[in-house]
């Protein structure tokens, strides 16, 4: 690591190859069966690259690497938890469709139904919320761009978008 910090590219390459199994093991212990182990390892490698200048050669490289890998794995767990809280499975909607065909549920039909329910719920939003949601989430504009286009402040757009998302989650969770 000291040679890599000094700019030796071959030493840095060798270091990365040698620490890869260790990073996988640390991330694997934290993430278990999750398929995100490799993503966490890549995140750890990027962090190592960005912060390699901060490593103190008088301290344990193994502990430094373990801390980085563990934190990147925890980041993945947090991200997974946040996303799982916002996702709605389409399978419960399958009960509202006709009986499954011989090949199973008509997943395209389930997706069409879910999309229609979402469109209907967006249509029922108050105008300010619908406009803020359309600009920021559906059209993907930045808050500054959406503010310029709508004539509303960034703060007002944030509030309206937050309320729109909260309302949509509540309506779609209850099926209404």
N, C-alpha and C. Protein backbone atom coordinates (compact mmCIF):
# COMPACT_ATOMS: atom_id res chain seq x y z
N UNK A 1 0.83 -1.20 0.00
CA UNK A 1 0.00 0.00 0.00
C UNK A 1 0.87 1.25 0.00
N UNK A 2 1.95 1.22 0.75
CA UNK A 2 2.85 2.38 0.78
C UNK A 2 3.40 2.66 -0.61
N UNK A 3 3.76 1.61 -1.36
CA UNK A 3 4.26 1.80 -2.72
C UNK A 3 3.16 2.35 -3.63
N UNK A 4 1.94 1.87 -3.44
CA UNK A 4 0.81 2.37 -4.23
C UNK A 4 0.57 3.84 -3.93
N UNK A 5 0.68 4.21 -2.65
CA UNK A 5 0.51 5.62 -2.28
C UNK A 5 1.60 6.49 -2.90
N UNK A 6 2.76 5.89 -3.11
CA UNK A 6 3.88 6.64 -3.70
C UNK A 6 3.77 6.74 -5.21
N UNK A 7 2.74 6.10 -5.80
CA UNK A 7 2.51 6.23 -7.23
C UNK A 7 2.92 5.03 -8.05
N UNK A 8 3.31 3.94 -7.42
CA UNK A 8 3.73 2.73 -8.15
C UNK A 8 2.47 2.01 -8.65
N UNK A 9 2.21 2.12 -9.95
CA UNK A 9 1.00 1.56 -10.55
C UNK A 9 0.96 0.04 -10.46
N UNK A 10 2.11 -0.61 -10.66
CA UNK A 10 2.11 -2.08 -10.59
C UNK A 10 1.86 -2.56 -9.16
N UNK A 11 2.37 -1.85 -8.18
CA UNK A 11 2.10 -2.20 -6.78
C UNK A 11 0.62 -1.99 -6.46
N UNK A 12 0.06 -0.94 -6.99
CA UNK A 12 -1.37 -0.67 -6.76
C UNK A 12 -2.23 -1.76 -7.40
N UNK A 13 -1.88 -2.16 -8.61
CA UNK A 13 -2.60 -3.23 -9.30
C UNK A 13 -2.50 -4.53 -8.49
N UNK A 14 -1.32 -4.86 -8.01
CA UNK A 14 -1.11 -6.07 -7.21
C UNK A 14 -1.91 -5.99 -5.91
N UNK A 15 -1.92 -4.84 -5.29
CA UNK A 15 -2.67 -4.65 -4.06
C UNK A 15 -4.15 -4.92 -4.28
N UNK A 16 -4.72 -4.35 -5.34
CA UNK A 16 -6.14 -4.54 -5.62
C UNK A 16 -6.46 -6.01 -5.85
N UNK A 17 -5.61 -6.70 -6.57
CA UNK A 17 -5.83 -8.12 -6.82
C UNK A 17 -5.76 -8.94 -5.52
N UNK A 18 -4.85 -8.57 -4.64
CA UNK A 18 -4.68 -9.31 -3.40
C UNK A 18 -5.80 -9.05 -2.40
N UNK A 19 -6.34 -7.85 -2.37
CA UNK A 19 -7.37 -7.54 -1.37
C UNK A 19 -8.77 -7.94 -1.82
N UNK A 20 -8.95 -8.23 -3.08
CA UNK A 20 -10.28 -8.56 -3.60
C UNK A 20 -10.96 -9.70 -2.86
N UNK A 21 -10.31 -10.85 -2.64
CA UNK A 21 -10.98 -11.92 -1.89
C UNK A 21 -11.36 -11.50 -0.46
N UNK A 22 -10.50 -10.72 0.17
CA UNK A 22 -10.79 -10.26 1.52
C UNK A 22 -12.01 -9.34 1.53
N UNK A 23 -12.09 -8.42 0.57
CA UNK A 23 -13.23 -7.52 0.48
C UNK A 23 -14.52 -8.31 0.23
N UNK A 24 -14.45 -9.32 -0.63
CA UNK A 24 -15.62 -10.17 -0.89
C UNK A 24 -16.08 -10.87 0.38
N UNK A 25 -15.12 -11.36 1.17
CA UNK A 25 -15.46 -12.06 2.40
C UNK A 25 -16.14 -11.12 3.40
N UNK A 26 -15.61 -9.92 3.56
CA UNK A 26 -16.19 -8.95 4.50
C UNK A 26 -17.59 -8.56 4.05
N UNK A 27 -17.74 -8.24 2.78
CA UNK A 27 -19.06 -7.85 2.26
C UNK A 27 -20.04 -9.02 2.31
N UNK A 28 -19.54 -10.21 2.01
CA UNK A 28 -20.39 -11.40 2.04
C UNK A 28 -20.91 -11.71 3.44
N UNK A 29 -20.07 -11.51 4.46
CA UNK A 29 -20.53 -11.73 5.84
C UNK A 29 -21.66 -10.78 6.20
N UNK A 30 -21.59 -9.56 5.75
CA UNK A 30 -22.60 -8.57 6.09
C UNK A 30 -23.86 -8.74 5.25
N UNK A 31 -23.70 -9.04 3.97
CA UNK A 31 -24.83 -9.09 3.06
C UNK A 31 -25.46 -10.47 2.95
N UNK A 32 -24.75 -11.50 3.35
CA UNK A 32 -25.30 -12.85 3.29
C UNK A 32 -25.67 -13.24 1.87
N UNK A 33 -26.91 -13.72 1.69
CA UNK A 33 -27.31 -14.22 0.38
C UNK A 33 -27.66 -13.13 -0.64
N UNK A 34 -27.59 -11.88 -0.25
CA UNK A 34 -27.95 -10.81 -1.18
C UNK A 34 -27.05 -10.85 -2.40
N UNK A 35 -27.64 -10.54 -3.53
CA UNK A 35 -26.89 -10.52 -4.77
C UNK A 35 -26.03 -9.27 -4.90
N UNK A 36 -26.07 -8.41 -3.92
CA UNK A 36 -25.37 -7.14 -4.01
C UNK A 36 -23.94 -7.18 -3.47
N UNK A 37 -23.43 -8.37 -3.18
CA UNK A 37 -22.07 -8.48 -2.65
C UNK A 37 -21.07 -7.87 -3.62
N UNK A 38 -21.17 -8.23 -4.89
CA UNK A 38 -20.21 -7.70 -5.87
C UNK A 38 -20.32 -6.19 -6.01
N UNK A 39 -21.55 -5.66 -5.93
CA UNK A 39 -21.71 -4.20 -6.00
C UNK A 39 -21.05 -3.54 -4.80
N UNK A 40 -21.21 -4.15 -3.62
CA UNK A 40 -20.57 -3.61 -2.41
C UNK A 40 -19.04 -3.68 -2.54
N UNK A 41 -18.54 -4.76 -3.10
CA UNK A 41 -17.09 -4.89 -3.31
C UNK A 41 -16.60 -3.80 -4.27
N UNK A 42 -17.35 -3.56 -5.34
CA UNK A 42 -16.96 -2.50 -6.27
C UNK A 42 -17.00 -1.14 -5.59
N UNK A 43 -18.02 -0.91 -4.76
CA UNK A 43 -18.09 0.34 -4.00
C UNK A 43 -16.87 0.48 -3.08
N UNK A 44 -16.49 -0.63 -2.44
CA UNK A 44 -15.32 -0.62 -1.54
C UNK A 44 -14.05 -0.32 -2.32
N UNK A 45 -13.92 -0.91 -3.50
CA UNK A 45 -12.74 -0.63 -4.33
C UNK A 45 -12.68 0.83 -4.75
N UNK A 46 -13.82 1.39 -5.09
CA UNK A 46 -13.85 2.81 -5.46
C UNK A 46 -13.49 3.69 -4.27
N UNK A 47 -14.00 3.32 -3.10
CA UNK A 47 -13.68 4.09 -1.90
C UNK A 47 -12.19 3.97 -1.59
N UNK A 48 -11.66 2.76 -1.69
CA UNK A 48 -10.23 2.56 -1.48
C UNK A 48 -9.42 3.45 -2.43
N UNK A 49 -9.84 3.49 -3.68
CA UNK A 49 -9.14 4.31 -4.67
C UNK A 49 -9.20 5.80 -4.29
N UNK A 50 -10.40 6.24 -3.92
CA UNK A 50 -10.57 7.66 -3.57
C UNK A 50 -9.83 8.04 -2.29
N UNK A 51 -9.75 7.11 -1.34
CA UNK A 51 -9.20 7.45 -0.02
C UNK A 51 -7.83 6.85 0.26
N UNK A 52 -7.19 6.28 -0.75
CA UNK A 52 -5.92 5.60 -0.51
C UNK A 52 -4.87 6.54 0.09
N UNK A 53 -4.98 7.80 -0.21
CA UNK A 53 -4.01 8.76 0.34
C UNK A 53 -4.18 8.95 1.85
N UNK A 54 -5.32 8.54 2.41
CA UNK A 54 -5.56 8.73 3.84
C UNK A 54 -5.07 7.57 4.69
N UNK A 55 -4.67 6.47 4.04
CA UNK A 55 -4.21 5.31 4.80
C UNK A 55 -2.89 5.64 5.49
N UNK A 56 -2.81 5.26 6.77
CA UNK A 56 -1.62 5.47 7.57
C UNK A 56 -0.83 4.15 7.61
N UNK A 57 0.34 4.08 6.99
CA UNK A 57 1.11 2.84 6.94
C UNK A 57 1.51 2.28 8.30
N UNK A 58 1.42 3.07 9.35
CA UNK A 58 1.77 2.56 10.68
C UNK A 58 0.61 1.77 11.30
N UNK A 59 -0.54 1.78 10.64
CA UNK A 59 -1.72 1.08 11.16
C UNK A 59 -2.03 -0.14 10.30
N UNK A 60 -2.95 -0.95 10.77
CA UNK A 60 -3.30 -2.19 10.09
C UNK A 60 -4.07 -1.93 8.79
N UNK A 61 -3.50 -2.42 7.68
CA UNK A 61 -4.18 -2.30 6.40
C UNK A 61 -5.45 -3.14 6.40
N UNK A 62 -5.37 -4.32 7.00
CA UNK A 62 -6.52 -5.23 7.05
C UNK A 62 -7.71 -4.56 7.76
N UNK A 63 -7.47 -3.92 8.87
CA UNK A 63 -8.56 -3.26 9.60
C UNK A 63 -9.13 -2.09 8.80
N UNK A 64 -8.25 -1.34 8.13
CA UNK A 64 -8.68 -0.21 7.32
C UNK A 64 -9.58 -0.69 6.18
N UNK A 65 -9.13 -1.75 5.50
CA UNK A 65 -9.91 -2.32 4.40
C UNK A 65 -11.24 -2.91 4.90
N UNK A 66 -11.19 -3.59 6.04
CA UNK A 66 -12.41 -4.20 6.59
C UNK A 66 -13.44 -3.12 6.93
N UNK A 67 -12.98 -2.02 7.45
CA UNK A 67 -13.89 -0.92 7.78
C UNK A 67 -14.54 -0.37 6.52
N UNK A 68 -13.75 -0.15 5.50
CA UNK A 68 -14.28 0.36 4.23
C UNK A 68 -15.31 -0.61 3.66
N UNK A 69 -14.94 -1.89 3.57
CA UNK A 69 -15.83 -2.89 2.99
C UNK A 69 -17.12 -3.02 3.80
N UNK A 70 -16.98 -3.04 5.12
CA UNK A 70 -18.16 -3.18 5.97
C UNK A 70 -19.10 -1.98 5.79
N UNK A 71 -18.56 -0.81 5.72
CA UNK A 71 -19.41 0.38 5.54
C UNK A 71 -20.11 0.38 4.18
N UNK A 72 -19.41 -0.07 3.14
CA UNK A 72 -20.06 -0.13 1.82
C UNK A 72 -21.15 -1.20 1.82
N UNK A 73 -20.95 -2.31 2.53
CA UNK A 73 -21.99 -3.34 2.63
C UNK A 73 -23.20 -2.81 3.39
N UNK A 74 -22.95 -2.08 4.47
CA UNK A 74 -24.06 -1.49 5.22
C UNK A 74 -24.81 -0.48 4.37
N UNK A 75 -24.08 0.29 3.56
CA UNK A 75 -24.74 1.22 2.64
C UNK A 75 -25.69 0.48 1.71
N UNK A 76 -25.24 -0.67 1.21
CA UNK A 76 -26.09 -1.49 0.33
C UNK A 76 -27.33 -1.98 1.07
N UNK A 77 -27.16 -2.42 2.32
CA UNK A 77 -28.31 -2.87 3.11
C UNK A 77 -29.31 -1.74 3.31
N UNK A 78 -28.80 -0.57 3.62
CA UNK A 78 -29.68 0.59 3.81
C UNK A 78 -30.41 0.92 2.52
N UNK A 79 -29.69 0.92 1.42
CA UNK A 79 -30.31 1.22 0.13
C UNK A 79 -31.38 0.18 -0.19
N UNK A 80 -31.07 -1.07 0.08
CA UNK A 80 -32.04 -2.15 -0.16
C UNK A 80 -33.28 -1.93 0.69
N UNK A 81 -33.10 -1.55 1.95
CA UNK A 81 -34.24 -1.30 2.84
C UNK A 81 -35.08 -0.12 2.39
N UNK A 82 -34.41 0.95 1.95
CA UNK A 82 -35.15 2.12 1.48
C UNK A 82 -35.95 1.79 0.23
N UNK A 83 -35.35 1.05 -0.68
CA UNK A 83 -36.04 0.71 -1.92
C UNK A 83 -37.18 -0.26 -1.66
N UNK A 84 -36.97 -1.22 -0.78
CA UNK A 84 -38.02 -2.19 -0.49
C UNK A 84 -39.23 -1.49 0.12
N UNK A 85 -39.01 -0.44 0.88
CA UNK A 85 -40.12 0.30 1.48
C UNK A 85 -40.92 1.09 0.48
N UNK A 86 -40.33 1.37 -0.68
CA UNK A 86 -41.01 2.17 -1.70
C UNK A 86 -41.57 1.33 -2.83
N UNK A 87 -41.22 0.06 -2.86
CA UNK A 87 -41.67 -0.78 -3.96
C UNK A 87 -42.99 -1.45 -3.63
N UNK A 88 -43.81 -1.60 -4.62
CA UNK A 88 -45.07 -2.32 -4.48
C UNK A 88 -45.04 -3.49 -5.43
N UNK A 89 -45.26 -4.67 -4.87
CA UNK A 89 -45.25 -5.85 -5.71
C UNK A 89 -46.49 -5.86 -6.60
N UNK A 90 -46.32 -6.30 -7.82
CA UNK A 90 -47.44 -6.40 -8.74
C UNK A 90 -48.25 -7.67 -8.50
N UNK A 91 -47.68 -8.67 -7.88
CA UNK A 91 -48.36 -9.95 -7.70
C UNK A 91 -49.71 -9.82 -6.98
N UNK A 92 -49.85 -9.00 -5.92
CA UNK A 92 -51.16 -8.90 -5.28
C UNK A 92 -52.25 -8.40 -6.24
N UNK A 93 -51.85 -7.66 -7.27
CA UNK A 93 -52.82 -7.17 -8.23
C UNK A 93 -53.32 -8.30 -9.14
N UNK A 94 -52.58 -9.40 -9.17
CA UNK A 94 -52.94 -10.50 -10.07
C UNK A 94 -54.32 -11.05 -9.75
N UNK A 95 -54.73 -10.97 -8.49
CA UNK A 95 -56.05 -11.48 -8.11
C UNK A 95 -57.18 -10.72 -8.76
N UNK A 96 -56.94 -9.52 -9.23
CA UNK A 96 -57.99 -8.73 -9.86
C UNK A 96 -58.12 -9.06 -11.34
N UNK A 97 -57.22 -9.88 -11.87
CA UNK A 97 -57.27 -10.26 -13.27
C UNK A 97 -58.03 -11.57 -13.42
N UNK A 98 -58.31 -11.94 -14.64
CA UNK A 98 -58.93 -13.23 -14.90
C UNK A 98 -57.98 -14.33 -14.45
N UNK A 99 -58.47 -15.53 -14.40
CA UNK A 99 -57.66 -16.67 -13.97
C UNK A 99 -56.40 -16.77 -14.83
N UNK A 100 -55.32 -17.30 -14.25
CA UNK A 100 -54.09 -17.39 -15.03
C UNK A 100 -54.25 -18.34 -16.20
N UNK A 101 -53.48 -18.05 -17.24
CA UNK A 101 -53.47 -18.93 -18.39
C UNK A 101 -52.67 -20.18 -18.05
N UNK A 102 -52.58 -21.09 -18.96
CA UNK A 102 -51.83 -22.32 -18.72
C UNK A 102 -50.37 -22.01 -18.40
N UNK A 103 -49.84 -20.94 -18.91
CA UNK A 103 -48.45 -20.57 -18.68
C UNK A 103 -48.25 -19.73 -17.43
N UNK A 104 -49.28 -19.48 -16.65
CA UNK A 104 -49.17 -18.65 -15.45
C UNK A 104 -49.90 -17.34 -15.64
N UNK A 105 -49.66 -16.41 -14.73
CA UNK A 105 -50.32 -15.11 -14.78
C UNK A 105 -49.89 -14.35 -16.02
N UNK A 106 -50.79 -13.54 -16.50
CA UNK A 106 -50.49 -12.64 -17.62
C UNK A 106 -49.78 -11.43 -17.03
N UNK A 107 -48.44 -11.51 -16.94
CA UNK A 107 -47.68 -10.44 -16.30
C UNK A 107 -47.82 -9.12 -17.04
N UNK A 108 -47.96 -9.16 -18.34
CA UNK A 108 -48.16 -7.92 -19.09
C UNK A 108 -49.48 -7.29 -18.66
N UNK A 109 -50.50 -8.12 -18.42
CA UNK A 109 -51.79 -7.62 -17.96
C UNK A 109 -51.69 -7.01 -16.58
N UNK A 110 -50.93 -7.65 -15.71
CA UNK A 110 -50.73 -7.13 -14.35
C UNK A 110 -50.03 -5.77 -14.43
N UNK A 111 -49.00 -5.68 -15.28
CA UNK A 111 -48.29 -4.41 -15.41
C UNK A 111 -49.17 -3.32 -16.00
N UNK A 112 -50.02 -3.68 -16.96
CA UNK A 112 -50.94 -2.68 -17.54
C UNK A 112 -51.91 -2.19 -16.47
N UNK A 113 -52.42 -3.11 -15.66
CA UNK A 113 -53.35 -2.73 -14.60
C UNK A 113 -52.67 -1.82 -13.59
N UNK A 114 -51.45 -2.16 -13.20
CA UNK A 114 -50.72 -1.33 -12.24
C UNK A 114 -50.45 0.05 -12.83
N UNK A 115 -50.06 0.10 -14.09
CA UNK A 115 -49.80 1.39 -14.75
C UNK A 115 -51.08 2.22 -14.81
N UNK A 116 -52.21 1.60 -15.10
CA UNK A 116 -53.48 2.32 -15.15
C UNK A 116 -53.85 2.85 -13.77
N UNK A 117 -53.65 2.03 -12.74
CA UNK A 117 -53.94 2.48 -11.38
C UNK A 117 -53.06 3.66 -11.01
N UNK A 118 -51.81 3.62 -11.40
CA UNK A 118 -50.90 4.73 -11.11
C UNK A 118 -51.31 5.98 -11.88
N UNK A 119 -51.63 5.84 -13.17
CA UNK A 119 -52.08 7.00 -13.96
C UNK A 119 -53.34 7.61 -13.34
N UNK A 120 -54.29 6.76 -12.96
CA UNK A 120 -55.53 7.25 -12.35
C UNK A 120 -55.24 8.00 -11.05
N UNK A 121 -54.35 7.43 -10.23
CA UNK A 121 -54.01 8.07 -8.95
C UNK A 121 -53.32 9.41 -9.17
N UNK A 122 -52.44 9.49 -10.18
CA UNK A 122 -51.77 10.76 -10.49
C UNK A 122 -52.79 11.78 -10.96
N UNK A 123 -53.75 11.36 -11.78
CA UNK A 123 -54.78 12.26 -12.29
C UNK A 123 -55.61 12.86 -11.16
N UNK A 124 -55.81 12.10 -10.08
CA UNK A 124 -56.62 12.56 -8.96
C UNK A 124 -55.88 13.49 -8.01
N UNK A 125 -54.57 13.66 -8.19
CA UNK A 125 -53.80 14.55 -7.32
C UNK A 125 -54.22 16.00 -7.54
N UNK A 126 -54.08 16.84 -6.51
CA UNK A 126 -54.30 18.27 -6.72
C UNK A 126 -53.34 18.79 -7.80
N UNK A 127 -53.75 19.80 -8.52
CA UNK A 127 -52.99 20.31 -9.65
C UNK A 127 -51.55 20.64 -9.30
N UNK A 128 -51.32 21.30 -8.17
CA UNK A 128 -49.94 21.69 -7.81
C UNK A 128 -49.07 20.47 -7.56
N UNK A 129 -49.63 19.44 -6.92
CA UNK A 129 -48.86 18.22 -6.68
C UNK A 129 -48.61 17.45 -7.97
N UNK A 130 -49.64 17.37 -8.81
CA UNK A 130 -49.50 16.66 -10.08
C UNK A 130 -48.44 17.33 -10.95
N UNK A 131 -48.46 18.65 -10.99
CA UNK A 131 -47.49 19.40 -11.81
C UNK A 131 -46.07 19.20 -11.27
N UNK A 132 -45.90 19.29 -9.95
CA UNK A 132 -44.57 19.12 -9.34
C UNK A 132 -44.06 17.70 -9.59
N UNK A 133 -44.91 16.72 -9.42
CA UNK A 133 -44.53 15.32 -9.65
C UNK A 133 -44.16 15.08 -11.11
N UNK A 134 -44.94 15.63 -12.00
CA UNK A 134 -44.68 15.45 -13.43
C UNK A 134 -43.33 16.04 -13.82
N UNK A 135 -43.06 17.24 -13.35
CA UNK A 135 -41.80 17.90 -13.71
C UNK A 135 -40.58 17.22 -13.10
N UNK A 136 -40.66 16.90 -11.79
CA UNK A 136 -39.47 16.40 -11.10
C UNK A 136 -39.26 14.90 -11.25
N UNK A 137 -40.32 14.13 -11.19
CA UNK A 137 -40.17 12.67 -11.19
C UNK A 137 -40.39 12.05 -12.56
N UNK A 138 -41.41 12.50 -13.26
CA UNK A 138 -41.73 11.88 -14.54
C UNK A 138 -40.89 12.43 -15.69
N UNK A 139 -40.68 13.76 -15.69
CA UNK A 139 -39.85 14.35 -16.74
C UNK A 139 -38.38 14.39 -16.34
N UNK A 140 -38.10 14.16 -15.06
CA UNK A 140 -36.72 14.09 -14.58
C UNK A 140 -35.98 15.41 -14.54
N UNK A 141 -36.71 16.51 -14.45
CA UNK A 141 -36.06 17.81 -14.38
C UNK A 141 -35.46 18.02 -13.00
N UNK A 142 -34.40 18.77 -12.93
CA UNK A 142 -33.84 19.15 -11.63
C UNK A 142 -34.82 20.11 -10.97
N UNK A 143 -34.66 20.31 -9.68
CA UNK A 143 -35.55 21.25 -8.99
C UNK A 143 -35.42 22.67 -9.56
N UNK A 144 -34.20 23.06 -9.91
CA UNK A 144 -34.00 24.40 -10.49
C UNK A 144 -34.72 24.52 -11.83
N UNK A 145 -34.61 23.48 -12.67
CA UNK A 145 -35.28 23.50 -13.97
C UNK A 145 -36.80 23.50 -13.80
N UNK A 146 -37.30 22.67 -12.89
CA UNK A 146 -38.74 22.60 -12.64
C UNK A 146 -39.25 23.92 -12.08
N UNK A 147 -38.45 24.56 -11.25
CA UNK A 147 -38.82 25.86 -10.69
C UNK A 147 -38.93 26.91 -11.79
N UNK A 148 -37.95 26.91 -12.68
CA UNK A 148 -37.97 27.88 -13.79
C UNK A 148 -39.17 27.64 -14.70
N UNK A 149 -39.49 26.39 -14.95
CA UNK A 149 -40.58 26.07 -15.85
C UNK A 149 -41.95 26.34 -15.23
N UNK A 150 -42.07 26.08 -13.92
CA UNK A 150 -43.39 26.21 -13.27
C UNK A 150 -43.63 27.58 -12.64
N UNK A 151 -42.54 28.30 -12.40
CA UNK A 151 -42.70 29.59 -11.74
C UNK A 151 -42.87 29.46 -10.23
N UNK A 152 -42.68 28.26 -9.70
CA UNK A 152 -42.79 28.02 -8.25
C UNK A 152 -41.39 27.92 -7.66
N UNK A 153 -41.28 28.20 -6.38
CA UNK A 153 -39.97 28.11 -5.72
C UNK A 153 -39.55 26.66 -5.58
N UNK A 154 -38.25 26.47 -5.41
CA UNK A 154 -37.71 25.12 -5.21
C UNK A 154 -38.34 24.49 -3.98
N UNK A 155 -38.47 25.26 -2.90
CA UNK A 155 -39.07 24.75 -1.67
C UNK A 155 -40.51 24.30 -1.88
N UNK A 156 -41.27 25.09 -2.61
CA UNK A 156 -42.67 24.74 -2.87
C UNK A 156 -42.76 23.46 -3.70
N UNK A 157 -41.84 23.32 -4.66
CA UNK A 157 -41.82 22.10 -5.49
C UNK A 157 -41.47 20.88 -4.65
N UNK A 158 -40.51 21.03 -3.74
CA UNK A 158 -40.12 19.91 -2.88
C UNK A 158 -41.31 19.45 -2.04
N UNK A 159 -42.00 20.40 -1.44
CA UNK A 159 -43.15 20.08 -0.59
C UNK A 159 -44.25 19.41 -1.42
N UNK A 160 -44.56 19.99 -2.57
CA UNK A 160 -45.63 19.43 -3.41
C UNK A 160 -45.27 18.03 -3.91
N UNK A 161 -44.02 17.82 -4.28
CA UNK A 161 -43.59 16.50 -4.75
C UNK A 161 -43.66 15.49 -3.62
N UNK A 162 -43.19 15.88 -2.44
CA UNK A 162 -43.24 14.98 -1.28
C UNK A 162 -44.69 14.59 -0.97
N UNK A 163 -45.56 15.56 -0.97
CA UNK A 163 -46.97 15.27 -0.68
C UNK A 163 -47.60 14.39 -1.76
N UNK A 164 -47.23 14.61 -2.99
CA UNK A 164 -47.76 13.80 -4.09
C UNK A 164 -47.32 12.35 -3.94
N UNK A 165 -46.06 12.15 -3.66
CA UNK A 165 -45.53 10.78 -3.51
C UNK A 165 -46.19 10.10 -2.31
N UNK A 166 -46.33 10.82 -1.21
CA UNK A 166 -46.97 10.26 -0.01
C UNK A 166 -48.42 9.88 -0.31
N UNK A 167 -49.13 10.72 -1.01
CA UNK A 167 -50.52 10.44 -1.37
C UNK A 167 -50.62 9.24 -2.29
N UNK A 168 -49.74 9.17 -3.29
CA UNK A 168 -49.75 8.03 -4.21
C UNK A 168 -49.46 6.72 -3.49
N UNK A 169 -48.47 6.75 -2.59
CA UNK A 169 -48.16 5.52 -1.83
C UNK A 169 -49.38 5.07 -1.05
N UNK A 170 -50.03 6.00 -0.38
CA UNK A 170 -51.20 5.64 0.42
C UNK A 170 -52.32 5.09 -0.45
N UNK A 171 -52.59 5.74 -1.57
CA UNK A 171 -53.69 5.28 -2.47
C UNK A 171 -53.38 3.93 -3.08
N UNK A 172 -52.14 3.73 -3.50
CA UNK A 172 -51.79 2.47 -4.17
C UNK A 172 -51.68 1.32 -3.15
N UNK A 173 -51.32 1.64 -1.91
CA UNK A 173 -51.23 0.60 -0.89
C UNK A 173 -52.62 0.07 -0.51
N UNK A 174 -53.61 0.96 -0.56
CA UNK A 174 -54.97 0.54 -0.20
C UNK A 174 -55.76 0.10 -1.42
N UNK A 175 -55.17 0.25 -2.60
CA UNK A 175 -55.84 -0.14 -3.82
C UNK A 175 -56.89 0.86 -4.25
N UNK A 176 -56.89 2.03 -3.64
CA UNK A 176 -57.90 3.03 -3.98
C UNK A 176 -57.32 4.18 -4.58
